[in-house]
Structure formats: structure tokens, C-alpha cells
Protein backbone atom coordinates (compact mmCIF):
# COMPACT_ATOMS: atom_id res chain seq x y z
CA UNK A 1 113.17 97.55 67.47
CA UNK A 2 109.48 96.86 67.99
CA UNK A 3 107.49 93.63 67.94
CA UNK A 4 106.28 92.67 64.44
CA UNK A 5 102.65 91.91 65.38
CA UNK A 6 101.51 94.51 67.88
CA UNK A 7 97.78 94.58 68.49
CA UNK A 8 96.88 96.71 71.50
CA UNK A 9 93.35 95.29 71.86
CA UNK A 10 94.60 91.70 71.88
CA UNK A 11 97.40 92.50 74.32
CA UNK A 12 94.97 94.31 76.63
CA UNK A 13 92.60 91.34 76.56
CA UNK A 14 95.41 88.88 77.33
CA UNK A 15 96.69 91.01 80.23
CA UNK A 16 93.32 91.89 81.75
CA UNK A 17 94.01 90.25 85.13
CA UNK A 18 97.46 91.81 85.73
CA UNK A 19 96.17 95.23 84.66
CA UNK A 20 93.26 94.89 87.09
CA UNK A 21 95.70 93.96 89.87
CA UNK A 22 97.84 97.02 89.17
CA UNK A 23 94.78 99.30 89.21
CA UNK A 24 93.57 97.72 92.47
CA UNK A 25 96.98 98.23 94.06
CA UNK A 26 96.98 101.89 93.04
CA UNK A 27 93.51 102.41 94.52
CA UNK A 28 94.58 100.66 97.75
CA UNK A 29 97.71 102.84 97.99
CA UNK A 30 95.62 105.99 97.45
CA UNK A 31 93.24 104.94 100.25
CA UNK A 32 96.15 104.28 102.62
CA UNK A 33 97.74 107.62 101.75
CA UNK A 34 94.47 109.47 102.37
CA UNK A 35 94.04 107.68 105.71
CA UNK A 36 97.60 108.53 106.75
CA UNK A 37 97.24 112.19 105.81
CA UNK A 38 93.94 112.40 107.69
CA UNK A 39 95.53 110.79 110.76
CA UNK A 40 98.50 113.18 110.70
CA UNK A 41 96.26 116.23 110.33
CA UNK A 42 94.05 115.25 113.25
CA UNK A 43 97.02 114.35 115.45
CA UNK A 44 98.70 117.67 114.65
CA UNK A 45 95.80 119.60 116.20
CA UNK A 46 96.17 118.00 119.64
CA UNK A 47 98.39 119.58 122.26
CA UNK A 48 101.26 117.43 123.44
CA UNK A 49 101.83 116.83 127.12
CA UNK A 50 105.29 117.06 128.60
CA UNK A 51 106.36 115.67 131.99
CA UNK A 52 106.32 119.22 133.44
CA UNK A 53 102.65 119.60 132.52
CA UNK A 54 101.70 116.22 133.96
CA UNK A 55 102.86 116.97 137.47
CA UNK A 56 106.39 116.17 138.57
CA UNK A 57 109.43 117.70 137.00
CA UNK A 58 112.66 115.89 136.30
CA UNK A 59 114.60 118.68 138.03
CA UNK A 60 112.26 118.94 141.01
CA UNK A 61 114.88 117.96 143.63
CA UNK A 62 117.92 119.33 141.80
CA UNK A 63 120.32 121.46 143.80
CA UNK A 64 122.41 123.55 141.44
CA UNK A 65 124.57 125.08 144.18
CA UNK A 66 127.38 122.51 143.82
CA UNK A 67 127.76 122.85 140.08
CA UNK A 68 130.88 124.45 138.68
CA UNK A 69 131.21 125.22 134.99
CA UNK A 70 133.68 122.96 133.20
CA UNK A 71 133.50 120.17 135.73
CA UNK A 72 131.25 117.64 137.35
CA UNK A 73 129.16 118.18 140.49
CA UNK A 74 132.28 118.39 142.69
CA UNK A 75 134.01 120.89 140.44
CA UNK A 76 136.85 118.55 139.51
CA UNK A 77 137.72 117.63 135.97
CA UNK A 78 139.29 114.28 135.17
CA UNK A 79 140.38 112.80 131.86
CA UNK A 80 139.42 109.22 132.71
CA UNK A 81 136.23 107.91 134.26
CA UNK A 82 136.42 106.62 137.85
CA UNK A 83 135.76 102.89 138.14
């Protein structure tokens, strides 16, 4: 069921401010989206640095000689943690 007195020109005139606000919000969102896409594209071109490239490695002083598969560093396997 439609309204009995529908006049598009009158309705547009009465709702000029809200329509302007909606259009402004859409333009603002488009600008933010363009800025975000530009940022992501430029950041994607840079090489990332990992700790190994910076200098020291996390495993620099690791001695793997005491490691046994299926256990901890001593080779023992326990079901409960030691407190």
C-alpha cells in the first residue's frame, strides 16, 4: 500500500539536509577506502625484517645435542608438569 499523496519533488525538498548528509558520508567513506588501499599497496612493496636479518637469532646459543624425540630436553616424558 502506497502513500496517497506522493510528490517526489516535495519530498526531496523536505529531505534535502538528510540526503546531503548521506551523500557526504558516502564520499567520506570512499576517500577513507582509497587511502586504506593506497596504504596497503605501498606497505606491501616493502621487505619485512625478521629477527634473523636484524642480527641475533633466537636459536643462537641452542644446543640440540640433548634433545630426544618424544620428550623434553632430558629425554624423559611425564604426564604431569613438575611444580
